[in-house]
Amino acid sequence: MAAALFQVSGRVQGVCFRASTREQAMARGLTGYARNLPGGGVEVLACGNASAIDALEQWLRKGPPAARVDQVARSEWDGEAPEDFRTG
């Protein structure tokens, strides 16, 4: 199992970014979370198949129609994988 942690910045709060990320992740069979960060960004943890994580990363770089993604930073993650995908 692969896992990656993403920090997404831009206009990504208040534009259905977390809910859309959850839909995209679940469609790819991934577990993890999407949560707002105090500075206005969104943190996304994605666990599962490496190619599915890569596909989610490509989607994160664009986001839903109302979003404006300025930057996506990726780091590897070695913690325990959640059982589902949540937003918070």
N, C-alpha and C. Protein backbone atom coordinates (compact mmCIF):
# COMPACT_ATOMS: atom_id res chain seq x y z
N MET A 1 0.83 -1.18 0.00
CA MET A 1 0.00 0.00 0.00
C MET A 1 0.88 1.25 0.00
N ALA A 2 0.50 2.20 -0.78
CA ALA A 2 1.19 3.49 -0.84
C ALA A 2 0.37 4.52 -0.09
N ALA A 3 1.02 5.60 0.29
CA ALA A 3 0.32 6.69 0.97
C ALA A 3 1.05 8.00 0.70
N ALA A 4 0.28 9.07 0.57
CA ALA A 4 0.86 10.39 0.34
C ALA A 4 0.03 11.43 1.07
N LEU A 5 0.72 12.47 1.52
CA LEU A 5 0.08 13.60 2.19
C LEU A 5 0.26 14.82 1.29
N PHE A 6 -0.84 15.50 1.00
CA PHE A 6 -0.82 16.66 0.12
C PHE A 6 -1.22 17.91 0.89
N GLN A 7 -0.56 19.00 0.60
CA GLN A 7 -0.92 20.32 1.10
C GLN A 7 -1.33 21.13 -0.13
N VAL A 8 -2.59 21.53 -0.17
CA VAL A 8 -3.13 22.23 -1.34
C VAL A 8 -3.42 23.67 -0.94
N SER A 9 -2.91 24.61 -1.71
CA SER A 9 -3.15 26.02 -1.41
C SER A 9 -3.81 26.71 -2.59
N GLY A 10 -4.45 27.82 -2.30
CA GLY A 10 -5.18 28.60 -3.29
C GLY A 10 -6.56 28.90 -2.74
N ARG A 11 -7.53 29.06 -3.61
CA ARG A 11 -8.91 29.23 -3.15
C ARG A 11 -9.53 27.84 -3.09
N VAL A 12 -9.31 27.17 -1.95
CA VAL A 12 -9.72 25.77 -1.80
C VAL A 12 -10.63 25.54 -0.59
N GLN A 13 -11.01 26.61 0.08
CA GLN A 13 -11.99 26.50 1.16
C GLN A 13 -13.25 27.24 0.74
N GLY A 14 -14.40 26.64 1.07
CA GLY A 14 -15.68 27.25 0.72
C GLY A 14 -16.08 27.04 -0.73
N VAL A 15 -15.44 26.09 -1.41
CA VAL A 15 -15.74 25.84 -2.82
C VAL A 15 -15.99 24.34 -3.08
N CYS A 16 -16.40 23.62 -2.03
CA CYS A 16 -16.68 22.17 -2.11
C CYS A 16 -15.44 21.34 -2.42
N PHE A 17 -14.27 21.86 -2.07
CA PHE A 17 -13.03 21.15 -2.38
C PHE A 17 -12.94 19.83 -1.61
N ARG A 18 -13.22 19.85 -0.31
CA ARG A 18 -13.10 18.63 0.50
C ARG A 18 -14.10 17.57 0.07
N ALA A 19 -15.35 17.97 -0.13
CA ALA A 19 -16.37 17.01 -0.55
C ALA A 19 -16.05 16.42 -1.92
N SER A 20 -15.60 17.25 -2.83
CA SER A 20 -15.23 16.77 -4.17
C SER A 20 -14.01 15.85 -4.10
N THR A 21 -13.06 16.19 -3.23
CA THR A 21 -11.88 15.33 -3.06
C THR A 21 -12.30 13.97 -2.53
N ARG A 22 -13.23 13.95 -1.59
CA ARG A 22 -13.73 12.68 -1.05
C ARG A 22 -14.35 11.84 -2.16
N GLU A 23 -15.18 12.45 -3.00
CA GLU A 23 -15.79 11.73 -4.11
C GLU A 23 -14.74 11.15 -5.05
N GLN A 24 -13.74 11.96 -5.38
CA GLN A 24 -12.68 11.52 -6.28
C GLN A 24 -11.87 10.38 -5.66
N ALA A 25 -11.55 10.50 -4.39
CA ALA A 25 -10.76 9.48 -3.70
C ALA A 25 -11.53 8.16 -3.61
N MET A 26 -12.80 8.24 -3.24
CA MET A 26 -13.60 7.03 -3.11
C MET A 26 -13.79 6.34 -4.45
N ALA A 27 -13.93 7.11 -5.52
CA ALA A 27 -14.07 6.53 -6.86
C ALA A 27 -12.81 5.78 -7.27
N ARG A 28 -11.68 6.15 -6.66
CA ARG A 28 -10.41 5.49 -6.97
C ARG A 28 -10.04 4.43 -5.93
N GLY A 29 -10.93 4.18 -4.97
CA GLY A 29 -10.69 3.15 -3.97
C GLY A 29 -9.69 3.55 -2.90
N LEU A 30 -9.54 4.85 -2.66
CA LEU A 30 -8.57 5.33 -1.68
C LEU A 30 -9.22 5.59 -0.33
N THR A 31 -8.43 5.51 0.71
CA THR A 31 -8.86 5.91 2.05
C THR A 31 -8.02 7.11 2.46
N GLY A 32 -8.45 7.80 3.53
CA GLY A 32 -7.69 8.95 4.02
C GLY A 32 -8.62 10.03 4.51
N TYR A 33 -8.25 11.28 4.22
CA TYR A 33 -9.07 12.41 4.66
C TYR A 33 -8.74 13.65 3.85
N ALA A 34 -9.64 14.62 3.93
CA ALA A 34 -9.41 15.97 3.41
C ALA A 34 -9.91 16.91 4.50
N ARG A 35 -9.04 17.80 4.96
CA ARG A 35 -9.45 18.72 6.03
C ARG A 35 -8.86 20.10 5.79
N ASN A 36 -9.63 21.10 6.24
CA ASN A 36 -9.19 22.48 6.12
C ASN A 36 -8.03 22.74 7.07
N LEU A 37 -7.12 23.60 6.63
CA LEU A 37 -6.01 24.05 7.46
C LEU A 37 -6.26 25.50 7.88
N PRO A 38 -5.74 25.90 9.02
CA PRO A 38 -5.98 27.26 9.51
C PRO A 38 -5.57 28.36 8.54
N GLY A 39 -4.55 28.15 7.72
CA GLY A 39 -4.08 29.18 6.81
C GLY A 39 -4.86 29.31 5.52
N GLY A 40 -5.94 28.53 5.36
CA GLY A 40 -6.75 28.62 4.16
C GLY A 40 -6.54 27.51 3.16
N GLY A 41 -5.62 26.62 3.44
CA GLY A 41 -5.36 25.49 2.54
C GLY A 41 -6.14 24.27 2.96
N VAL A 42 -5.89 23.18 2.24
CA VAL A 42 -6.51 21.90 2.54
C VAL A 42 -5.41 20.84 2.59
N GLU A 43 -5.48 19.98 3.60
CA GLU A 43 -4.57 18.84 3.71
C GLU A 43 -5.32 17.59 3.29
N VAL A 44 -4.70 16.78 2.45
CA VAL A 44 -5.31 15.56 1.95
C VAL A 44 -4.36 14.40 2.19
N LEU A 45 -4.86 13.37 2.86
CA LEU A 45 -4.13 12.11 3.01
C LEU A 45 -4.79 11.11 2.09
N ALA A 46 -3.99 10.44 1.27
CA ALA A 46 -4.52 9.42 0.36
C ALA A 46 -3.72 8.14 0.53
N CYS A 47 -4.43 7.03 0.78
CA CYS A 47 -3.80 5.72 1.00
C CYS A 47 -4.44 4.71 0.07
N GLY A 48 -3.60 3.88 -0.55
CA GLY A 48 -4.11 2.85 -1.44
C GLY A 48 -3.13 2.56 -2.56
N ASN A 49 -3.67 2.26 -3.72
CA ASN A 49 -2.88 1.94 -4.90
C ASN A 49 -2.10 3.17 -5.36
N ALA A 50 -0.81 2.99 -5.66
CA ALA A 50 0.06 4.10 -6.04
C ALA A 50 -0.45 4.85 -7.28
N SER A 51 -0.93 4.11 -8.28
CA SER A 51 -1.42 4.79 -9.49
C SER A 51 -2.71 5.57 -9.20
N ALA A 52 -3.54 5.08 -8.28
CA ALA A 52 -4.75 5.81 -7.90
C ALA A 52 -4.39 7.10 -7.15
N ILE A 53 -3.35 7.04 -6.33
CA ILE A 53 -2.88 8.25 -5.62
C ILE A 53 -2.35 9.26 -6.62
N ASP A 54 -1.60 8.79 -7.60
CA ASP A 54 -1.08 9.69 -8.64
C ASP A 54 -2.23 10.34 -9.41
N ALA A 55 -3.27 9.57 -9.71
CA ALA A 55 -4.43 10.11 -10.43
C ALA A 55 -5.14 11.16 -9.56
N LEU A 56 -5.26 10.89 -8.27
CA LEU A 56 -5.88 11.87 -7.38
C LEU A 56 -5.04 13.15 -7.32
N GLU A 57 -3.73 12.99 -7.30
CA GLU A 57 -2.86 14.17 -7.29
C GLU A 57 -3.11 15.04 -8.51
N GLN A 58 -3.25 14.42 -9.67
CA GLN A 58 -3.52 15.20 -10.88
C GLN A 58 -4.84 15.95 -10.75
N TRP A 59 -5.85 15.31 -10.16
CA TRP A 59 -7.13 15.98 -9.95
C TRP A 59 -6.97 17.13 -8.94
N LEU A 60 -6.21 16.90 -7.86
CA LEU A 60 -6.00 17.94 -6.85
C LEU A 60 -5.38 19.20 -7.45
N ARG A 61 -4.56 19.04 -8.45
CA ARG A 61 -3.90 20.19 -9.08
C ARG A 61 -4.89 21.08 -9.83
N LYS A 62 -6.09 20.55 -10.09
CA LYS A 62 -7.14 21.30 -10.78
C LYS A 62 -8.29 21.61 -9.82
N GLY A 63 -8.75 20.59 -9.08
CA GLY A 63 -9.84 20.76 -8.13
C GLY A 63 -11.19 20.91 -8.79
N PRO A 64 -12.23 21.15 -8.00
CA PRO A 64 -13.57 21.35 -8.55
C PRO A 64 -13.65 22.70 -9.28
N PRO A 65 -14.72 22.91 -10.07
CA PRO A 65 -14.82 24.12 -10.90
C PRO A 65 -14.66 25.44 -10.16
N ALA A 66 -15.16 25.57 -8.95
CA ALA A 66 -15.10 26.86 -8.24
C ALA A 66 -13.76 27.11 -7.56
N ALA A 67 -12.89 26.11 -7.54
CA ALA A 67 -11.60 26.26 -6.85
C ALA A 67 -10.56 26.90 -7.76
N ARG A 68 -9.53 27.45 -7.11
CA ARG A 68 -8.33 27.91 -7.81
C ARG A 68 -7.15 27.34 -7.04
N VAL A 69 -6.50 26.36 -7.62
CA VAL A 69 -5.37 25.70 -6.96
C VAL A 69 -4.09 26.41 -7.38
N ASP A 70 -3.36 26.94 -6.40
CA ASP A 70 -2.09 27.61 -6.67
C ASP A 70 -0.91 26.66 -6.54
N GLN A 71 -0.98 25.74 -5.58
CA GLN A 71 0.16 24.85 -5.34
C GLN A 71 -0.31 23.57 -4.68
N VAL A 72 0.34 22.46 -5.04
CA VAL A 72 0.12 21.17 -4.38
C VAL A 72 1.49 20.63 -3.99
N ALA A 73 1.70 20.46 -2.69
CA ALA A 73 2.96 19.88 -2.20
C ALA A 73 2.67 18.46 -1.75
N ARG A 74 3.52 17.53 -2.16
CA ARG A 74 3.32 16.11 -1.83
C ARG A 74 4.48 15.61 -0.98
N SER A 75 4.13 14.85 0.04
CA SER A 75 5.15 14.16 0.83
C SER A 75 4.67 12.74 1.08
N GLU A 76 5.62 11.83 1.26
CA GLU A 76 5.26 10.45 1.54
C GLU A 76 4.80 10.35 2.99
N TRP A 77 3.98 9.39 3.27
CA TRP A 77 3.39 9.22 4.60
C TRP A 77 3.51 7.76 4.98
N ASP A 78 3.93 7.48 6.20
CA ASP A 78 4.13 6.08 6.60
C ASP A 78 3.32 5.68 7.83
N GLY A 79 2.23 6.37 8.09
CA GLY A 79 1.37 6.03 9.21
C GLY A 79 0.39 4.94 8.85
N GLU A 80 -0.51 4.66 9.77
CA GLU A 80 -1.54 3.64 9.55
C GLU A 80 -2.64 4.20 8.66
N ALA A 81 -3.08 3.40 7.71
CA ALA A 81 -4.11 3.84 6.77
C ALA A 81 -5.49 3.82 7.44
N PRO A 82 -6.27 4.88 7.25
CA PRO A 82 -7.64 4.87 7.75
C PRO A 82 -8.48 3.83 7.00
N GLU A 83 -9.62 3.48 7.57
CA GLU A 83 -10.49 2.49 6.95
C GLU A 83 -11.39 3.08 5.86
N ASP A 84 -11.59 4.38 5.87
CA ASP A 84 -12.45 5.03 4.89
C ASP A 84 -11.88 6.40 4.56
N PHE A 85 -12.62 7.19 3.80
CA PHE A 85 -12.18 8.54 3.46
C PHE A 85 -13.13 9.53 4.11
N ARG A 86 -12.59 10.43 4.91
CA ARG A 86 -13.41 11.38 5.66
C ARG A 86 -13.04 12.82 5.32
N THR A 87 -13.97 13.70 5.62
CA THR A 87 -13.69 15.12 5.54
C THR A 87 -13.82 15.71 6.93
N GLY A 88 -13.07 16.75 7.17
CA GLY A 88 -13.12 17.35 8.50
C GLY A 88 -12.66 18.77 8.48
